[in-house]
Amino acid sequence: MTVVKQIAQTLVQLCRAWKFPEAQATLFHKDAVNQEPDGRTTTGLAAIMAKEEAFLNSLTERHLLEISEPVVADDYFAVQLLMDVTISGIGRRTRNELCVYKVRDGKIIHEQFFY
């Protein structure tokens, strides 16, 4: 099994258990970059984790989380993520997104979301 496939499978396993911060702390490079579809870019593991923690803290209810098996190609992998949550002050939202990751030196260096 390749390093990229191992990282991909570990990420999926942790995220399916709602352990997003643990996945980031374990698998992401300290200089990782996150890109959102609206053009927002977050740089650095600490900033990415703070953003994720803020999102998770805004959830008042978790209705559904489905994450596909990863598709791996060279230094990249992708998963489909379907999330149905209730967000404080916003209400119930469903998001179906494609998450694409690049691995370098045994860590995730870039993630980009499409939704």
PDB file of N, CA and C in Angstrom:
ATOM      1  N   MET A   1       0.851  -1.180   0.000  1.00  0.00           N
ATOM      2  CA  MET A   1       0.000   0.000   0.000  1.00  0.00           C
ATOM      3  C   MET A   1       0.895   1.242   0.000  1.00  0.00           C
ATOM      4  N   THR A   2       0.533   2.222  -0.810  1.00  0.00           N
ATOM      5  CA  THR A   2       1.324   3.443  -0.879  1.00  0.00           C
ATOM      6  C   THR A   2       1.054   4.343   0.321  1.00  0.00           C
ATOM      7  N   VAL A   3       1.974   5.255   0.565  1.00  0.00           N
ATOM      8  CA  VAL A   3       1.807   6.218   1.652  1.00  0.00           C
ATOM      9  C   VAL A   3       0.557   7.061   1.427  1.00  0.00           C
ATOM     10  N   VAL A   4       0.329   7.472   0.187  1.00  0.00           N
ATOM     11  CA  VAL A   4      -0.841   8.303  -0.117  1.00  0.00           C
ATOM     12  C   VAL A   4      -2.124   7.542   0.190  1.00  0.00           C
ATOM     13  N   LYS A   5      -2.168   6.268  -0.176  1.00  0.00           N
ATOM     14  CA  LYS A   5      -3.365   5.465   0.099  1.00  0.00           C
ATOM     15  C   LYS A   5      -3.560   5.283   1.603  1.00  0.00           C
ATOM     16  N   GLN A   6      -2.483   5.087   2.347  1.00  0.00           N
ATOM     17  CA  GLN A   6      -2.582   4.962   3.804  1.00  0.00           C
ATOM     18  C   GLN A   6      -3.122   6.249   4.425  1.00  0.00           C
ATOM     19  N   ILE A   7      -2.597   7.376   3.988  1.00  0.00           N
ATOM     20  CA  ILE A   7      -3.063   8.670   4.493  1.00  0.00           C
ATOM     21  C   ILE A   7      -4.538   8.855   4.160  1.00  0.00           C
ATOM     22  N   ALA A   8      -4.919   8.534   2.931  1.00  0.00           N
ATOM     23  CA  ALA A   8      -6.309   8.684   2.497  1.00  0.00           C
ATOM     24  C   ALA A   8      -7.242   7.831   3.345  1.00  0.00           C
ATOM     25  N   GLN A   9      -6.880   6.588   3.562  1.00  0.00           N
ATOM     26  CA  GLN A   9      -7.731   5.694   4.352  1.00  0.00           C
ATOM     27  C   GLN A   9      -7.819   6.135   5.809  1.00  0.00           C
ATOM     28  N   THR A  10      -6.724   6.613   6.364  1.00  0.00           N
ATOM     29  CA  THR A  10      -6.745   7.101   7.742  1.00  0.00           C
ATOM     30  C   THR A  10      -7.615   8.345   7.856  1.00  0.00           C
ATOM     31  N   LEU A  11      -7.493   9.263   6.903  1.00  0.00           N
ATOM     32  CA  LEU A  11      -8.326  10.467   6.912  1.00  0.00           C
ATOM     33  C   LEU A  11      -9.805  10.099   6.879  1.00  0.00           C
ATOM     34  N   VAL A  12     -10.182   9.211   5.995  1.00  0.00           N
ATOM     35  CA  VAL A  12     -11.580   8.800   5.876  1.00  0.00           C
ATOM     36  C   VAL A  12     -12.059   8.172   7.187  1.00  0.00           C
ATOM     37  N   GLN A  13     -11.267   7.294   7.754  1.00  0.00           N
ATOM     38  CA  GLN A  13     -11.642   6.617   8.999  1.00  0.00           C
ATOM     39  C   GLN A  13     -11.863   7.622  10.133  1.00  0.00           C
ATOM     40  N   LEU A  14     -10.948   8.562  10.301  1.00  0.00           N
ATOM     41  CA  LEU A  14     -11.083   9.560  11.366  1.00  0.00           C
ATOM     42  C   LEU A  14     -12.272  10.486  11.125  1.00  0.00           C
ATOM     43  N   CYS A  15     -12.433  10.930   9.893  1.00  0.00           N
ATOM     44  CA  CYS A  15     -13.528  11.856   9.595  1.00  0.00           C
ATOM     45  C   CYS A  15     -14.891  11.193   9.734  1.00  0.00           C
ATOM     46  N   ARG A  16     -14.995   9.938   9.376  1.00  0.00           N
ATOM     47  CA  ARG A  16     -16.276   9.234   9.562  1.00  0.00           C
ATOM     48  C   ARG A  16     -16.670   9.184  11.032  1.00  0.00           C
ATOM     49  N   ALA A  17     -15.689   9.271  11.926  1.00  0.00           N
ATOM     50  CA  ALA A  17     -15.942   9.283  13.370  1.00  0.00           C
ATOM     51  C   ALA A  17     -16.045  10.717  13.902  1.00  0.00           C
ATOM     52  N   TRP A  18     -16.165  11.698  13.012  1.00  0.00           N
ATOM     53  CA  TRP A  18     -16.243  13.115  13.375  1.00  0.00           C
ATOM     54  C   TRP A  18     -14.970  13.597  14.073  1.00  0.00           C
ATOM     55  N   LYS A  19     -13.842  12.989  13.787  1.00  0.00           N
ATOM     56  CA  LYS A  19     -12.561  13.363  14.393  1.00  0.00           C
ATOM     57  C   LYS A  19     -11.743  14.210  13.413  1.00  0.00           C
ATOM     58  N   PHE A  20     -12.361  15.262  12.901  1.00  0.00           N
ATOM     59  CA  PHE A  20     -11.709  16.129  11.924  1.00  0.00           C
ATOM     60  C   PHE A  20     -10.446  16.788  12.487  1.00  0.00           C
ATOM     61  N   PRO A  21     -10.488  17.387  13.693  1.00  0.00           N
ATOM     62  CA  PRO A  21      -9.263  17.994  14.231  1.00  0.00           C
ATOM     63  C   PRO A  21      -8.131  16.971  14.440  1.00  0.00           C
ATOM     64  N   GLU A  22      -8.484  15.788  14.888  1.00  0.00           N
ATOM     65  CA  GLU A  22      -7.474  14.744  15.078  1.00  0.00           C
ATOM     66  C   GLU A  22      -6.854  14.356  13.736  1.00  0.00           C
ATOM     67  N   ALA A  23      -7.684  14.263  12.702  1.00  0.00           N
ATOM     68  CA  ALA A  23      -7.174  13.944  11.376  1.00  0.00           C
ATOM     69  C   ALA A  23      -6.203  15.024  10.903  1.00  0.00           C
ATOM     70  N   GLN A  24      -6.576  16.274  11.106  1.00  0.00           N
ATOM     71  CA  GLN A  24      -5.705  17.370  10.687  1.00  0.00           C
ATOM     72  C   GLN A  24      -4.395  17.349  11.473  1.00  0.00           C
ATOM     73  N   ALA A  25      -4.470  17.217  12.778  1.00  0.00           N
ATOM     74  CA  ALA A  25      -3.273  17.232  13.616  1.00  0.00           C
ATOM     75  C   ALA A  25      -2.318  16.092  13.263  1.00  0.00           C
ATOM     76  N   THR A  26      -2.876  14.965  12.871  1.00  0.00           N
ATOM     77  CA  THR A  26      -2.081  13.778  12.581  1.00  0.00           C
ATOM     78  C   THR A  26      -1.544  13.744  11.152  1.00  0.00           C
ATOM     79  N   LEU A  27      -2.362  14.186  10.199  1.00  0.00           N
ATOM     80  CA  LEU A  27      -2.058  13.934   8.789  1.00  0.00           C
ATOM     81  C   LEU A  27      -1.619  15.151   7.984  1.00  0.00           C
ATOM     82  N   PHE A  28      -1.864  16.354   8.496  1.00  0.00           N
ATOM     83  CA  PHE A  28      -1.582  17.558   7.713  1.00  0.00           C
ATOM     84  C   PHE A  28      -0.179  18.102   7.995  1.00  0.00           C
ATOM     85  N   HIS A  29       0.418  18.657   6.977  1.00  0.00           N
ATOM     86  CA  HIS A  29       1.704  19.337   7.075  1.00  0.00           C
ATOM     87  C   HIS A  29       1.501  20.675   7.782  1.00  0.00           C
ATOM     88  N   LYS A  30       2.484  21.143   8.510  1.00  0.00           N
ATOM     89  CA  LYS A  30       2.353  22.407   9.251  1.00  0.00           C
ATOM     90  C   LYS A  30       2.114  23.600   8.329  1.00  0.00           C
ATOM     91  N   ASP A  31       2.492  23.485   7.059  1.00  0.00           N
ATOM     92  CA  ASP A  31       2.295  24.561   6.087  1.00  0.00           C
ATOM     93  C   ASP A  31       1.153  24.272   5.115  1.00  0.00           C
ATOM     94  N   ALA A  32       0.246  23.401   5.500  1.00  0.00           N
ATOM     95  CA  ALA A  32      -0.871  23.016   4.621  1.00  0.00           C
ATOM     96  C   ALA A  32      -1.712  24.231   4.225  1.00  0.00           C
ATOM     97  N   VAL A  33      -2.373  24.095   3.085  1.00  0.00           N
ATOM     98  CA  VAL A  33      -3.247  25.143   2.555  1.00  0.00           C
ATOM     99  C   VAL A  33      -4.627  24.546   2.319  1.00  0.00           C
ATOM    100  N   ASN A  34      -5.667  25.301   2.703  1.00  0.00           N
ATOM    101  CA  ASN A  34      -7.061  24.921   2.472  1.00  0.00           C
ATOM    102  C   ASN A  34      -7.674  25.936   1.524  1.00  0.00           C
ATOM    103  N   GLN A  35      -8.356  25.458   0.482  1.00  0.00           N
ATOM    104  CA  GLN A  35      -9.045  26.344  -0.459  1.00  0.00           C
ATOM    105  C   GLN A  35     -10.526  25.999  -0.502  1.00  0.00           C
ATOM    106  N   GLU A  36     -11.346  27.035  -0.341  1.00  0.00           N
ATOM    107  CA  GLU A  36     -12.801  26.903  -0.415  1.00  0.00           C
ATOM    108  C   GLU A  36     -13.271  27.351  -1.801  1.00  0.00           C
ATOM    109  N   PRO A  37     -14.453  26.901  -2.231  1.00  0.00           N
ATOM    110  CA  PRO A  37     -14.955  27.267  -3.565  1.00  0.00           C
ATOM    111  C   PRO A  37     -15.156  28.769  -3.760  1.00  0.00           C
ATOM    112  N   ASP A  38     -15.398  29.507  -2.676  1.00  0.00           N
ATOM    113  CA  ASP A  38     -15.644  30.943  -2.809  1.00  0.00           C
ATOM    114  C   ASP A  38     -14.351  31.754  -2.883  1.00  0.00           C
ATOM    115  N   GLY A  39     -13.206  31.065  -2.935  1.00  0.00           N
ATOM    116  CA  GLY A  39     -11.935  31.757  -3.060  1.00  0.00           C
ATOM    117  C   GLY A  39     -11.185  31.956  -1.763  1.00  0.00           C
ATOM    118  N   ARG A  40     -11.836  31.688  -0.618  1.00  0.00           N
ATOM    119  CA  ARG A  40     -11.135  31.823   0.658  1.00  0.00           C
ATOM    120  C   ARG A  40     -10.015  30.794   0.751  1.00  0.00           C
ATOM    121  N   THR A  41      -8.856  31.250   1.204  1.00  0.00           N
ATOM    122  CA  THR A  41      -7.702  30.376   1.394  1.00  0.00           C
ATOM    123  C   THR A  41      -7.237  30.505   2.831  1.00  0.00           C
ATOM    124  N   THR A  42      -6.995  29.372   3.470  1.00  0.00           N
ATOM    125  CA  THR A  42      -6.466  29.340   4.831  1.00  0.00           C
ATOM    126  C   THR A  42      -5.123  28.635   4.763  1.00  0.00           C
ATOM    127  N   THR A  43      -4.097  29.269   5.327  1.00  0.00           N
ATOM    128  CA  THR A  43      -2.741  28.738   5.245  1.00  0.00           C
ATOM    129  C   THR A  43      -2.205  28.422   6.629  1.00  0.00           C
ATOM    130  N   GLY A  44      -1.626  27.243   6.753  1.00  0.00           N
ATOM    131  CA  GLY A  44      -1.012  26.807   7.995  1.00  0.00           C
ATOM    132  C   GLY A  44      -1.927  25.912   8.793  1.00  0.00           C
ATOM    133  N   LEU A  45      -1.346  24.891   9.376  1.00  0.00           N
ATOM    134  CA  LEU A  45      -2.126  23.900  10.118  1.00  0.00           C
ATOM    135  C   LEU A  45      -2.901  24.525  11.267  1.00  0.00           C
ATOM    136  N   ALA A  46      -2.281  25.421  12.020  1.00  0.00           N
ATOM    137  CA  ALA A  46      -2.973  26.033  13.157  1.00  0.00           C
ATOM    138  C   ALA A  46      -4.220  26.786  12.708  1.00  0.00           C
ATOM    139  N   ALA A  47      -4.122  27.527  11.614  1.00  0.00           N
ATOM    140  CA  ALA A  47      -5.269  28.289  11.107  1.00  0.00           C
ATOM    141  C   ALA A  47      -6.352  27.363  10.557  1.00  0.00           C
ATOM    142  N   ILE A  48      -5.944  26.305   9.881  1.00  0.00           N
ATOM    143  CA  ILE A  48      -6.912  25.336   9.349  1.00  0.00           C
ATOM    144  C   ILE A  48      -7.657  24.661  10.502  1.00  0.00           C
ATOM    145  N   MET A  49      -6.929  24.285  11.544  1.00  0.00           N
ATOM    146  CA  MET A  49      -7.558  23.632  12.691  1.00  0.00           C
ATOM    147  C   MET A  49      -8.483  24.589  13.438  1.00  0.00           C
ATOM    148  N   ALA A  50      -8.111  25.850  13.548  1.00  0.00           N
ATOM    149  CA  ALA A  50      -8.968  26.836  14.214  1.00  0.00           C
ATOM    150  C   ALA A  50     -10.262  27.018  13.429  1.00  0.00           C
ATOM    151  N   LYS A  51     -10.164  27.061  12.116  1.00  0.00           N
ATOM    152  CA  LYS A  51     -11.347  27.186  11.261  1.00  0.00           C
ATOM    153  C   LYS A  51     -12.268  25.973  11.441  1.00  0.00           C
ATOM    154  N   GLU A  52     -11.688  24.792  11.465  1.00  0.00           N
ATOM    155  CA  GLU A  52     -12.477  23.560  11.624  1.00  0.00           C
ATOM    156  C   GLU A  52     -13.137  23.514  12.999  1.00  0.00           C
ATOM    157  N   GLU A  53     -12.391  23.889  14.022  1.00  0.00           N
ATOM    158  CA  GLU A  53     -12.931  23.884  15.384  1.00  0.00           C
ATOM    159  C   GLU A  53     -14.112  24.860  15.500  1.00  0.00           C
ATOM    160  N   ALA A  54     -13.988  26.026  14.880  1.00  0.00           N
ATOM    161  CA  ALA A  54     -15.084  27.005  14.898  1.00  0.00           C
ATOM    162  C   ALA A  54     -16.320  26.433  14.216  1.00  0.00           C
ATOM    163  N   PHE A  55     -16.106  25.748  13.085  1.00  0.00           N
ATOM    164  CA  PHE A  55     -17.243  25.137  12.382  1.00  0.00           C
ATOM    165  C   PHE A  55     -17.893  24.067  13.255  1.00  0.00           C
ATOM    166  N   LEU A  56     -17.098  23.165  13.806  1.00  0.00           N
ATOM    167  CA  LEU A  56     -17.655  22.088  14.627  1.00  0.00           C
ATOM    168  C   LEU A  56     -18.380  22.636  15.852  1.00  0.00           C
ATOM    169  N   ASN A  57     -17.856  23.698  16.444  1.00  0.00           N
ATOM    170  CA  ASN A  57     -18.499  24.311  17.605  1.00  0.00           C
ATOM    171  C   ASN A  57     -19.813  25.004  17.251  1.00  0.00           C
ATOM    172  N   SER A  58     -19.999  25.343  15.985  1.00  0.00           N
ATOM    173  CA  SER A  58     -21.241  26.000  15.554  1.00  0.00           C
ATOM    174  C   SER A  58     -22.378  25.004  15.316  1.00  0.00           C
ATOM    175  N   LEU A  59     -22.060  23.722  15.313  1.00  0.00           N
ATOM    176  CA  LEU A  59     -23.080  22.709  15.036  1.00  0.00           C
ATOM    177  C   LEU A  59     -23.919  22.451  16.277  1.00  0.00           C
ATOM    178  N   THR A  60     -25.231  22.513  16.101  1.00  0.00           N
ATOM    179  CA  THR A  60     -26.124  22.180  17.202  1.00  0.00           C
ATOM    180  C   THR A  60     -26.678  20.766  17.067  1.00  0.00           C
ATOM    181  N   GLU A  61     -26.623  20.235  15.841  1.00  0.00           N
ATOM    182  CA  GLU A  61     -27.083  18.861  15.631  1.00  0.00           C
ATOM    183  C   GLU A  61     -26.407  18.285  14.395  1.00  0.00           C
ATOM    184  N   ARG A  62     -26.034  17.013  14.493  1.00  0.00           N
ATOM    185  CA  ARG A  62     -25.435  16.274  13.377  1.00  0.00           C
ATOM    186  C   ARG A  62     -26.458  15.246  12.912  1.00  0.00           C
ATOM    187  N   HIS A  63     -26.930  15.399  11.695  1.00  0.00           N
ATOM    188  CA  HIS A  63     -27.956  14.496  11.178  1.00  0.00           C
ATOM    189  C   HIS A  63     -27.368  13.362  10.338  1.00  0.00           C
ATOM    190  N   LEU A  64     -26.337  13.694   9.535  1.00  0.00           N
ATOM    191  CA  LEU A  64     -25.807  12.700   8.596  1.00  0.00           C
ATOM    192  C   LEU A  64     -24.384  13.074   8.220  1.00  0.00           C
ATOM    193  N   LEU A  65     -23.532  12.062   8.102  1.00  0.00           N
ATOM    194  CA  LEU A  65     -22.199  12.232   7.554  1.00  0.00           C
ATOM    195  C   LEU A  65     -21.867  10.977   6.775  1.00  0.00           C
ATOM    196  N   GLU A  66     -21.639  11.137   5.488  1.00  0.00           N
ATOM    197  CA  GLU A  66     -21.225  10.023   4.632  1.00  0.00           C
ATOM    198  C   GLU A  66     -19.970  10.452   3.894  1.00  0.00           C
ATOM    199  N   ILE A  67     -18.967   9.603   3.923  1.00  0.00           N
ATOM    200  CA  ILE A  67     -17.717   9.881   3.225  1.00  0.00           C
ATOM    201  C   ILE A  67     -17.378   8.657   2.383  1.00  0.00           C
ATOM    202  N   SER A  68     -17.144   8.887   1.100  1.00  0.00           N
ATOM    203  CA  SER A  68     -16.851   7.792   0.184  1.00  0.00           C
ATOM    204  C   SER A  68     -15.477   7.201   0.458  1.00  0.00           C
ATOM    205  N   GLU A  69     -15.225   6.076  -0.141  1.00  0.00           N
ATOM    206  CA  GLU A  69     -13.873   5.528  -0.142  1.00  0.00           C
ATOM    207  C   GLU A  69     -13.001   6.454  -0.997  1.00  0.00           C
ATOM    208  N   PRO A  70     -11.732   6.603  -0.665  1.00  0.00           N
ATOM    209  CA  PRO A  70     -10.884   7.506  -1.435  1.00  0.00           C
ATOM    210  C   PRO A  70     -10.506   6.941  -2.805  1.00  0.00           C
ATOM    211  N   VAL A  71     -10.348   7.857  -3.745  1.00  0.00           N
ATOM    212  CA  VAL A  71      -9.808   7.542  -5.069  1.00  0.00           C
ATOM    213  C   VAL A  71      -8.414   8.150  -5.094  1.00  0.00           C
ATOM    214  N   VAL A  72      -7.396   7.320  -5.353  1.00  0.00           N
ATOM    215  CA  VAL A  72      -6.000   7.743  -5.274  1.00  0.00           C
ATOM    216  C   VAL A  72      -5.369   7.743  -6.655  1.00  0.00           C
ATOM    217  N   ALA A  73      -4.617   8.807  -6.945  1.00  0.00           N
ATOM    218  CA  ALA A  73      -3.845   8.896  -8.185  1.00  0.00           C
ATOM    219  C   ALA A  73      -2.549   9.638  -7.874  1.00  0.00           C
ATOM    220  N   ASP A  74      -1.448   8.942  -7.959  1.00  0.00           N
ATOM    221  CA  ASP A  74      -0.127   9.514  -7.659  1.00  0.00           C
ATOM    222  C   ASP A  74      -0.120  10.173  -6.291  1.00  0.00           C
ATOM    223  N   ASP A  75       0.128  11.485  -6.222  1.00  0.00           N
ATOM    224  CA  ASP A  75       0.223  12.194  -4.944  1.00  0.00           C
ATOM    225  C   ASP A  75      -1.101  12.813  -4.505  1.00  0.00           C
ATOM    226  N   TYR A  76      -2.182  12.458  -5.160  1.00  0.00           N
ATOM    227  CA  TYR A  76      -3.489  13.055  -4.882  1.00  0.00           C
ATOM    228  C   TYR A  76      -4.499  11.985  -4.491  1.00  0.00           C
ATOM    229  N   PHE A  77      -5.499  12.423  -3.727  1.00  0.00           N
ATOM    230  CA  PHE A  77      -6.668  11.574  -3.521  1.00  0.00           C
ATOM    231  C   PHE A  77      -7.883  12.464  -3.339  1.00  0.00           C
ATOM    232  N   ALA A  78      -9.051  11.866  -3.578  1.00  0.00           N
ATOM    233  CA  ALA A  78     -10.307  12.608  -3.470  1.00  0.00           C
ATOM    234  C   ALA A  78     -11.346  11.735  -2.792  1.00  0.00           C
ATOM    235  N   VAL A  79     -12.247  12.416  -2.069  1.00  0.00           N
ATOM    236  CA  VAL A  79     -13.391  11.747  -1.463  1.00  0.00           C
ATOM    237  C   VAL A  79     -14.621  12.622  -1.665  1.00  0.00           C
ATOM    238  N   GLN A  80     -15.774  11.987  -1.690  1.00  0.00           N
ATOM    239  CA  GLN A  80     -17.038  12.714  -1.683  1.00  0.00           C
ATOM    240  C   GLN A  80     -17.519  12.746  -0.245  1.00  0.00           C
ATOM    241  N   LEU A  81     -17.946  13.924   0.196  1.00  0.00           N
ATOM    242  CA  LEU A  81     -18.439  14.096   1.557  1.00  0.00           C
ATOM    243  C   LEU A  81     -19.855  14.654   1.488  1.00  0.00           C
ATOM    244  N   LEU A  82     -20.770  13.979   2.155  1.00  0.00           N
ATOM    245  CA  LEU A  82     -22.156  14.429   2.260  1.00  0.00           C
ATOM    246  C   LEU A  82     -22.432  14.663   3.739  1.00  0.00           C
ATOM    247  N   MET A  83     -22.787  15.907   4.077  1.00  0.00           N
ATOM    248  CA  MET A  83     -23.009  16.280   5.465  1.00  0.00           C
ATOM    249  C   MET A  83     -24.346  16.991   5.584  1.00  0.00           C
ATOM    250  N   ASP A  84     -25.137  16.585   6.568  1.00  0.00           N
ATOM    251  CA  ASP A  84     -26.412  17.232   6.888  1.00  0.00           C
ATOM    252  C   ASP A  84     -26.334  17.616   8.360  1.00  0.00           C
ATOM    253  N   VAL A  85     -26.298  18.932   8.629  1.00  0.00           N
ATOM    254  CA  VAL A  85     -26.095  19.431   9.991  1.00  0.00           C
ATOM    255  C   VAL A  85     -27.001  20.625  10.255  1.00  0.00           C
ATOM    256  N   THR A  86     -27.227  20.889  11.523  1.00  0.00           N
ATOM    257  CA  THR A  86     -27.895  22.120  11.934  1.00  0.00           C
ATOM    258  C   THR A  86     -26.831  23.029  12.537  1.00  0.00           C
ATOM    259  N   ILE A  87     -26.765  24.262  12.006  1.00  0.00           N
ATOM    260  CA  ILE A  87     -25.754  25.235  12.406  1.00  0.00           C
ATOM    261  C   ILE A  87     -26.431  26.328  13.218  1.00  0.00           C
ATOM    262  N   SER A  88     -25.851  26.646  14.350  1.00  0.00           N
ATOM    263  CA  SER A  88     -26.388  27.678  15.234  1.00  0.00           C
ATOM    264  C   SER A  88     -26.572  28.995  14.475  1.00  0.00           C
ATOM    265  N   GLY A  89     -27.769  29.560  14.578  1.00  0.00           N
ATOM    266  CA  GLY A  89     -28.064  30.830  13.942  1.00  0.00           C
ATOM    267  C   GLY A  89     -28.321  30.764  12.448  1.00  0.00           C
ATOM    268  N   ILE A  90     -28.138  29.604  11.848  1.00  0.00           N
ATOM    269  CA  ILE A  90     -28.339  29.454  10.399  1.00  0.00           C
ATOM    270  C   ILE A  90     -29.451  28.464  10.101  1.00  0.00           C
ATOM    271  N   GLY A  91     -29.432  27.337  10.793  1.00  0.00           N
ATOM    272  CA  GLY A  91     -30.425  26.292  10.558  1.00  0.00           C
ATOM    273  C   GLY A  91     -29.811  25.067   9.917  1.00  0.00           C
ATOM    274  N   ARG A  92     -30.676  24.214   9.433  1.00  0.00           N
ATOM    275  CA  ARG A  92     -30.241  22.939   8.865  1.00  0.00           C
ATOM    276  C   ARG A  92     -29.716  23.142   7.453  1.00  0.00           C
ATOM    277  N   ARG A  93     -28.558  22.554   7.183  1.00  0.00           N
ATOM    278  CA  ARG A  93     -27.918  22.666   5.881  1.00  0.00           C
ATOM    279  C   ARG A  93     -27.383  21.299   5.467  1.00  0.00           C
ATOM    280  N   THR A  94     -27.487  21.033   4.167  1.00  0.00           N
ATOM    281  CA  THR A  94     -26.901  19.832   3.585  1.00  0.00           C
ATOM    282  C   THR A  94     -25.840  20.268   2.592  1.00  0.00           C
ATOM    283  N   ARG A  95     -24.685  19.628   2.670  1.00  0.00           N
ATOM    284  CA  ARG A  95     -23.617  19.952   1.733  1.00  0.00           C
ATOM    285  C   ARG A  95     -23.086  18.660   1.141  1.00  0.00           C
ATOM    286  N   ASN A  96     -23.008  18.635  -0.175  1.00  0.00           N
ATOM    287  CA  ASN A  96     -22.438  17.523  -0.912  1.00  0.00           C
ATOM    288  C   ASN A  96     -21.202  18.066  -1.598  1.00  0.00           C
ATOM    289  N   GLU A  97     -20.030  17.601  -1.199  1.00  0.00           N
ATOM    290  CA  GLU A  97     -18.819  18.195  -1.742  1.00  0.00           C
ATOM    291  C   GLU A  97     -17.799  17.147  -2.147  1.00  0.00           C
ATOM    292  N   LEU A  98     -16.927  17.582  -3.023  1.00  0.00           N
ATOM    293  CA  LEU A  98     -15.780  16.791  -3.428  1.00  0.00           C
ATOM    294  C   LEU A  98     -14.572  17.404  -2.743  1.00  0.00           C
ATOM    295  N   CYS A  99     -13.804  16.596  -2.052  1.00  0.00           N
ATOM    296  CA  CYS A  99     -12.621  17.056  -1.320  1.00  0.00           C
ATOM    297  C   CYS A  99     -11.392  16.437  -1.985  1.00  0.00           C
ATOM    298  N   VAL A 100     -10.480  17.290  -2.443  1.00  0.00           N
ATOM    299  CA  VAL A 100      -9.289  16.832  -3.150  1.00  0.00           C
ATOM    300  C   VAL A 100      -8.062  17.200  -2.318  1.00  0.00           C
ATOM    301  N   TYR A 101      -7.178  16.250  -2.139  1.00  0.00           N
ATOM    302  CA  TYR A 101      -6.001  16.414  -1.287  1.00  0.00           C
ATOM    303  C   TYR A 101      -4.725  16.110  -2.057  1.00  0.00           C
ATOM    304  N   LYS A 102      -3.668  16.862  -1.750  1.00  0.00           N
ATOM    305  CA  LYS A 102      -2.340  16.583  -2.293  1.00  0.00           C
ATOM    306  C   LYS A 102      -1.430  16.227  -1.135  1.00  0.00           C
ATOM    307  N   VAL A 103      -0.652  15.166  -1.315  1.00  0.00           N
ATOM    308  CA  VAL A 103       0.268  14.692  -0.291  1.00  0.00           C
ATOM    309  C   VAL A 103       1.701  14.962  -0.750  1.00  0.00           C
ATOM    310  N   ARG A 104       2.498  15.478   0.190  1.00  0.00           N
ATOM    311  CA  ARG A 104       3.922  15.694  -0.081  1.00  0.00           C
ATOM    312  C   ARG A 104       4.701  15.322   1.182  1.00  0.00           C
ATOM    313  N   ASP A 105       5.749  14.565   1.015  1.00  0.00           N
ATOM    314  CA  ASP A 105       6.597  14.158   2.136  1.00  0.00           C
ATOM    315  C   ASP A 105       5.807  13.496   3.263  1.00  0.00           C
ATOM    316  N   GLY A 106       4.814  12.697   2.904  1.00  0.00           N
ATOM    317  CA  GLY A 106       4.069  11.921   3.885  1.00  0.00           C
ATOM    318  C   GLY A 106       3.017  12.684   4.669  1.00  0.00           C
ATOM    319  N   LYS A 107       2.679  13.899   4.225  1.00  0.00           N
ATOM    320  CA  LYS A 107       1.659  14.715   4.897  1.00  0.00           C
ATOM    321  C   LYS A 107       0.771  15.383   3.843  1.00  0.00           C
ATOM    322  N   ILE A 108      -0.454  15.711   4.234  1.00  0.00           N
ATOM    323  CA  ILE A 108      -1.341  16.462   3.350  1.00  0.00           C
ATOM    324  C   ILE A 108      -0.867  17.905   3.333  1.00  0.00           C
ATOM    325  N   ILE A 109      -0.542  18.403   2.151  1.00  0.00           N
ATOM    326  CA  ILE A 109      -0.027  19.759   2.002  1.00  0.00           C
ATOM    327  C   ILE A 109      -1.084  20.707   1.433  1.00  0.00           C
ATOM    328  N   HIS A 110      -2.112  20.145   0.803  1.00  0.00           N
ATOM    329  CA  HIS A 110      -3.143  20.986   0.184  1.00  0.00           C
ATOM    330  C   HIS A 110      -4.471  20.247   0.176  1.00  0.00           C
ATOM    331  N   GLU A 111      -5.526  20.981   0.509  1.00  0.00           N
ATOM    332  CA  GLU A 111      -6.880  20.440   0.381  1.00  0.00           C
ATOM    333  C   GLU A 111      -7.723  21.486  -0.302  1.00  0.00           C
ATOM    334  N   GLN A 112      -8.589  21.015  -1.204  1.00  0.00           N
ATOM    335  CA  GLN A 112      -9.490  21.932  -1.912  1.00  0.00           C
ATOM    336  C   GLN A 112     -10.862  21.305  -1.966  1.00  0.00           C
ATOM    337  N   PHE A 113     -11.861  22.137  -1.651  1.00  0.00           N
ATOM    338  CA  PHE A 113     -13.238  21.660  -1.608  1.00  0.00           C
ATOM    339  C   PHE A 113     -14.022  22.229  -2.780  1.00  0.00           C
ATOM    340  N   PHE A 114     -14.874  21.400  -3.360  1.00  0.00           N
ATOM    341  CA  PHE A 114     -15.756  21.793  -4.458  1.00  0.00           C
ATOM    342  C   PHE A 114     -17.180  21.450  -4.039  1.00  0.00           C
ATOM    343  N   TYR A 115     -18.047  22.469  -3.968  1.00  0.00           N
ATOM    344  CA  TYR A 115     -19.461  22.251  -3.653  1.00  0.00           C
ATOM    345  C   TYR A 115     -20.294  23.360  -4.218  1.00  0.00           C
TER     346      TYR A 115
END
